[in-house]
């Protein structure tokens, strides 16, 4: 089976999608081909530095939230439990600060 298109777009990233969309709105028939999953390099495989930094920042935020919860729990606890929770909260905050 043979099909004819006005435009064949190779790749499926943001630029390819933009071109394909504009051509389709003018009435062109468009085929989009990509040997990898739809979405392109940046969305699926690229931009790693950004993704790593965002992931690390999220992990630090979660650690700080955990430390805050331990501090609250320590306020409600007594004796050794309170002491352990405070110590754990301090340790978590110190390690999270080193990650920054």
N, C-alpha and C. Protein backbone atom coordinates (compact mmCIF):
# COMPACT_ATOMS: atom_id res chain seq x y z
N UNK A 1 0.84 -1.16 0.00
CA UNK A 1 0.00 0.00 0.00
C UNK A 1 0.89 1.24 0.00
N UNK A 2 0.63 2.15 -0.89
CA UNK A 2 1.40 3.37 -1.02
C UNK A 2 0.52 4.56 -0.66
N UNK A 3 1.05 5.44 0.17
CA UNK A 3 0.34 6.67 0.51
C UNK A 3 1.20 7.84 0.10
N UNK A 4 0.56 8.92 -0.24
CA UNK A 4 1.27 10.14 -0.64
C UNK A 4 0.96 11.24 0.38
N UNK A 5 2.00 11.95 0.77
CA UNK A 5 1.85 13.04 1.73
C UNK A 5 2.49 14.30 1.15
N UNK A 6 1.98 15.43 1.58
CA UNK A 6 2.60 16.69 1.18
C UNK A 6 3.89 16.91 1.95
N UNK A 7 3.94 16.39 3.16
CA UNK A 7 5.11 16.57 4.01
C UNK A 7 5.32 15.34 4.86
N UNK A 8 6.55 14.88 4.96
CA UNK A 8 6.92 13.82 5.89
C UNK A 8 7.89 14.44 6.88
N UNK A 9 7.49 14.43 8.14
CA UNK A 9 8.31 15.00 9.20
C UNK A 9 9.06 13.86 9.87
N UNK A 10 10.36 13.99 9.95
CA UNK A 10 11.19 12.98 10.60
C UNK A 10 11.49 13.46 12.02
N UNK A 11 11.03 12.69 12.98
CA UNK A 11 11.17 13.07 14.38
C UNK A 11 9.83 13.49 14.93
N UNK A 12 9.73 13.52 16.27
CA UNK A 12 8.45 13.87 16.87
C UNK A 12 8.61 14.81 18.06
N UNK A 13 9.71 15.55 18.05
CA UNK A 13 9.94 16.51 19.12
C UNK A 13 9.11 17.78 18.94
N UNK A 14 9.39 18.75 19.77
CA UNK A 14 8.61 19.99 19.76
C UNK A 14 8.66 20.70 18.41
N UNK A 15 9.83 20.78 17.79
CA UNK A 15 9.94 21.45 16.49
C UNK A 15 9.17 20.68 15.42
N UNK A 16 9.30 19.38 15.43
CA UNK A 16 8.60 18.56 14.43
C UNK A 16 7.09 18.69 14.59
N UNK A 17 6.62 18.68 15.82
CA UNK A 17 5.19 18.81 16.08
C UNK A 17 4.67 20.17 15.63
N UNK A 18 5.46 21.20 15.86
CA UNK A 18 5.08 22.55 15.46
C UNK A 18 4.93 22.65 13.94
N UNK A 19 5.92 22.15 13.23
CA UNK A 19 5.88 22.17 11.76
C UNK A 19 4.70 21.36 11.24
N UNK A 20 4.53 20.17 11.78
CA UNK A 20 3.44 19.30 11.32
C UNK A 20 2.09 19.96 11.58
N UNK A 21 1.93 20.55 12.73
CA UNK A 21 0.66 21.19 13.08
C UNK A 21 0.36 22.37 12.16
N UNK A 22 1.35 23.19 11.90
CA UNK A 22 1.13 24.35 11.01
C UNK A 22 0.78 23.92 9.60
N UNK A 23 1.44 22.90 9.14
CA UNK A 23 1.15 22.42 7.78
C UNK A 23 -0.24 21.80 7.71
N UNK A 24 -0.62 21.08 8.76
CA UNK A 24 -1.96 20.48 8.78
C UNK A 24 -3.05 21.54 8.76
N UNK A 25 -2.82 22.66 9.47
CA UNK A 25 -3.85 23.71 9.50
C UNK A 25 -4.02 24.40 8.15
N UNK A 26 -3.02 24.29 7.29
CA UNK A 26 -3.14 24.86 5.95
C UNK A 26 -3.70 23.85 4.95
N UNK A 27 -4.00 22.63 5.45
CA UNK A 27 -4.61 21.64 4.58
C UNK A 27 -3.67 20.59 4.01
N UNK A 28 -2.40 20.65 4.37
CA UNK A 28 -1.45 19.65 3.88
C UNK A 28 -1.73 18.31 4.54
N UNK A 29 -1.39 17.26 3.83
CA UNK A 29 -1.38 15.93 4.45
C UNK A 29 0.03 15.71 4.99
N UNK A 30 0.09 15.29 6.23
CA UNK A 30 1.39 15.20 6.92
C UNK A 30 1.55 13.83 7.54
N UNK A 31 2.73 13.25 7.37
CA UNK A 31 3.11 12.02 8.06
C UNK A 31 4.27 12.35 8.98
N UNK A 32 4.21 11.80 10.18
CA UNK A 32 5.29 12.01 11.13
C UNK A 32 5.88 10.64 11.46
N UNK A 33 7.18 10.50 11.31
CA UNK A 33 7.84 9.22 11.60
C UNK A 33 8.97 9.45 12.60
N UNK A 34 9.11 8.50 13.48
CA UNK A 34 10.19 8.57 14.46
C UNK A 34 10.49 7.14 14.90
N UNK A 35 11.76 6.79 14.94
CA UNK A 35 12.11 5.43 15.35
C UNK A 35 12.05 5.26 16.87
N UNK A 36 11.96 6.38 17.57
CA UNK A 36 11.87 6.33 19.02
C UNK A 36 10.45 6.70 19.47
N UNK A 37 10.15 6.58 20.77
CA UNK A 37 8.80 6.93 21.24
C UNK A 37 8.44 8.39 20.93
N UNK A 38 7.17 8.62 20.71
CA UNK A 38 6.68 9.94 20.37
C UNK A 38 6.99 10.95 21.47
N UNK A 39 7.47 12.10 21.11
CA UNK A 39 7.74 13.15 22.08
C UNK A 39 9.08 13.83 21.91
N UNK A 40 10.03 13.18 21.30
CA UNK A 40 11.32 13.80 21.05
C UNK A 40 12.31 13.67 22.19
N UNK A 41 13.51 14.12 21.91
CA UNK A 41 14.63 13.95 22.83
C UNK A 41 14.44 14.75 24.13
N UNK A 42 14.10 16.02 24.01
CA UNK A 42 14.03 16.85 25.22
C UNK A 42 12.98 16.33 26.18
N UNK A 43 11.81 16.04 25.68
CA UNK A 43 10.72 15.60 26.56
C UNK A 43 10.98 14.24 27.18
N UNK A 44 11.61 13.35 26.46
CA UNK A 44 11.74 11.97 26.93
C UNK A 44 13.12 11.59 27.42
N UNK A 45 14.17 12.11 26.79
CA UNK A 45 15.52 11.65 27.11
C UNK A 45 16.49 12.77 27.40
N UNK A 46 16.19 13.96 26.95
CA UNK A 46 17.13 15.08 27.09
C UNK A 46 16.89 15.87 28.34
N UNK A 47 17.46 17.04 28.36
CA UNK A 47 17.30 17.97 29.47
C UNK A 47 17.68 17.33 30.80
N UNK A 48 18.60 16.37 30.78
CA UNK A 48 18.95 15.65 31.99
C UNK A 48 19.44 16.55 33.12
N UNK A 49 20.26 17.54 32.84
CA UNK A 49 20.70 18.37 33.97
C UNK A 49 19.52 18.99 34.72
N UNK A 50 18.53 19.47 33.97
CA UNK A 50 17.36 20.07 34.60
C UNK A 50 16.60 19.02 35.41
N UNK A 51 16.41 17.85 34.83
CA UNK A 51 15.66 16.81 35.52
C UNK A 51 16.38 16.35 36.78
N UNK A 52 17.68 16.24 36.72
CA UNK A 52 18.46 15.83 37.89
C UNK A 52 18.36 16.89 38.99
N UNK A 53 18.50 18.16 38.61
CA UNK A 53 18.43 19.23 39.60
C UNK A 53 17.05 19.33 40.23
N UNK A 54 16.02 19.21 39.41
CA UNK A 54 14.65 19.26 39.93
C UNK A 54 14.40 18.07 40.86
N UNK A 55 14.89 16.90 40.48
CA UNK A 55 14.73 15.72 41.33
C UNK A 55 15.46 15.87 42.65
N UNK A 56 16.66 16.41 42.60
CA UNK A 56 17.43 16.62 43.84
C UNK A 56 16.75 17.64 44.74
N UNK A 57 16.23 18.71 44.15
CA UNK A 57 15.54 19.73 44.94
C UNK A 57 14.29 19.15 45.59
N UNK A 58 13.58 18.31 44.86
CA UNK A 58 12.39 17.66 45.41
C UNK A 58 12.76 16.74 46.58
N UNK A 59 13.86 16.02 46.44
CA UNK A 59 14.32 15.13 47.51
C UNK A 59 14.69 15.93 48.76
N UNK A 60 15.35 17.06 48.57
CA UNK A 60 15.72 17.91 49.71
C UNK A 60 14.46 18.46 50.39
N UNK A 61 13.48 18.87 49.59
CA UNK A 61 12.22 19.36 50.16
C UNK A 61 11.53 18.26 50.98
N UNK A 62 11.55 17.04 50.47
CA UNK A 62 10.93 15.93 51.19
C UNK A 62 11.67 15.64 52.50
N UNK A 63 12.99 15.72 52.46
CA UNK A 63 13.77 15.52 53.69
C UNK A 63 13.43 16.59 54.73
N UNK A 64 13.34 17.84 54.28
CA UNK A 64 13.01 18.92 55.21
C UNK A 64 11.60 18.75 55.78
N UNK A 65 10.67 18.32 54.95
CA UNK A 65 9.30 18.09 55.43
C UNK A 65 9.29 16.95 56.46
N UNK A 66 10.07 15.92 56.21
CA UNK A 66 10.17 14.81 57.14
C UNK A 66 10.75 15.27 58.48
N UNK A 67 11.80 16.08 58.42
CA UNK A 67 12.42 16.60 59.64
C UNK A 67 11.42 17.45 60.42
N UNK A 68 10.66 18.27 59.72
CA UNK A 68 9.65 19.10 60.38
C UNK A 68 8.60 18.23 61.06
N UNK A 69 8.20 17.16 60.41
CA UNK A 69 7.21 16.26 61.01
C UNK A 69 7.79 15.59 62.26
N UNK A 70 9.05 15.19 62.20
CA UNK A 70 9.69 14.58 63.38
C UNK A 70 9.74 15.59 64.54
N UNK A 71 10.00 16.85 64.22
CA UNK A 71 10.01 17.87 65.27
C UNK A 71 8.63 18.02 65.91
N UNK A 72 7.59 18.01 65.08
CA UNK A 72 6.23 18.09 65.61
C UNK A 72 5.92 16.87 66.48
N UNK A 73 6.31 15.70 65.99
CA UNK A 73 6.08 14.48 66.76
C UNK A 73 6.85 14.50 68.08
N UNK A 74 8.05 15.07 68.05
CA UNK A 74 8.85 15.16 69.27
C UNK A 74 8.17 16.05 70.30
N UNK A 75 7.48 17.09 69.83
CA UNK A 75 6.76 17.98 70.73
C UNK A 75 5.62 17.27 71.45
N UNK A 76 5.04 16.29 70.77
CA UNK A 76 3.94 15.53 71.36
C UNK A 76 4.43 14.33 72.18
N UNK A 77 5.67 13.95 71.97
CA UNK A 77 6.23 12.79 72.67
C UNK A 77 6.87 13.23 73.98
N UNK A 78 7.32 12.25 74.72
CA UNK A 78 7.99 12.58 75.97
C UNK A 78 9.19 11.66 76.17
N UNK A 79 10.08 12.08 77.04
CA UNK A 79 11.23 11.26 77.42
C UNK A 79 12.14 10.91 76.26
N UNK A 80 12.52 9.63 76.24
CA UNK A 80 13.47 9.15 75.23
C UNK A 80 12.94 9.28 73.80
N UNK A 81 11.65 9.06 73.61
CA UNK A 81 11.07 9.16 72.28
C UNK A 81 11.25 10.58 71.73
N UNK A 82 10.98 11.55 72.55
CA UNK A 82 11.13 12.95 72.12
C UNK A 82 12.58 13.25 71.78
N UNK A 83 13.48 12.75 72.61
CA UNK A 83 14.91 12.98 72.38
C UNK A 83 15.37 12.35 71.07
N UNK A 84 14.91 11.13 70.80
CA UNK A 84 15.28 10.44 69.56
C UNK A 84 14.73 11.17 68.33
N UNK A 85 13.48 11.60 68.42
CA UNK A 85 12.86 12.30 67.28
C UNK A 85 13.58 13.63 67.01
N UNK A 86 13.93 14.36 68.05
CA UNK A 86 14.66 15.62 67.87
C UNK A 86 16.02 15.37 67.24
N UNK A 87 16.71 14.34 67.71
CA UNK A 87 18.02 13.99 67.17
C UNK A 87 17.92 13.59 65.70
N UNK A 88 16.90 12.81 65.39
CA UNK A 88 16.69 12.39 64.01
C UNK A 88 16.38 13.59 63.11
N UNK A 89 15.56 14.49 63.59
CA UNK A 89 15.22 15.69 62.82
C UNK A 89 16.47 16.53 62.56
N UNK A 90 17.32 16.68 63.55
CA UNK A 90 18.55 17.46 63.38
C UNK A 90 19.49 16.81 62.37
N UNK A 91 19.61 15.50 62.44
CA UNK A 91 20.46 14.76 61.50
C UNK A 91 19.95 14.91 60.08
N UNK A 92 18.65 14.77 59.89
CA UNK A 92 18.08 14.91 58.55
C UNK A 92 18.31 16.31 58.01
N UNK A 93 18.07 17.33 58.83
CA UNK A 93 18.27 18.71 58.37
C UNK A 93 19.73 18.96 58.01
N UNK A 94 20.65 18.44 58.79
CA UNK A 94 22.08 18.63 58.51
C UNK A 94 22.46 17.97 57.19
N UNK A 95 21.97 16.77 56.96
CA UNK A 95 22.31 16.08 55.71
C UNK A 95 21.65 16.73 54.51
N UNK A 96 20.44 17.22 54.68
CA UNK A 96 19.76 17.92 53.59
C UNK A 96 20.51 19.21 53.25
N UNK A 97 21.03 19.89 54.27
CA UNK A 97 21.78 21.13 54.03
C UNK A 97 23.06 20.85 53.25
N UNK A 98 23.69 19.71 53.51
CA UNK A 98 24.92 19.36 52.78
C UNK A 98 24.65 19.06 51.32
N UNK A 99 23.43 18.62 51.00
CA UNK A 99 23.08 18.32 49.62
C UNK A 99 22.87 19.56 48.76
N UNK A 100 22.64 20.67 49.40
CA UNK A 100 22.37 21.91 48.64
C UNK A 100 23.57 22.42 47.93
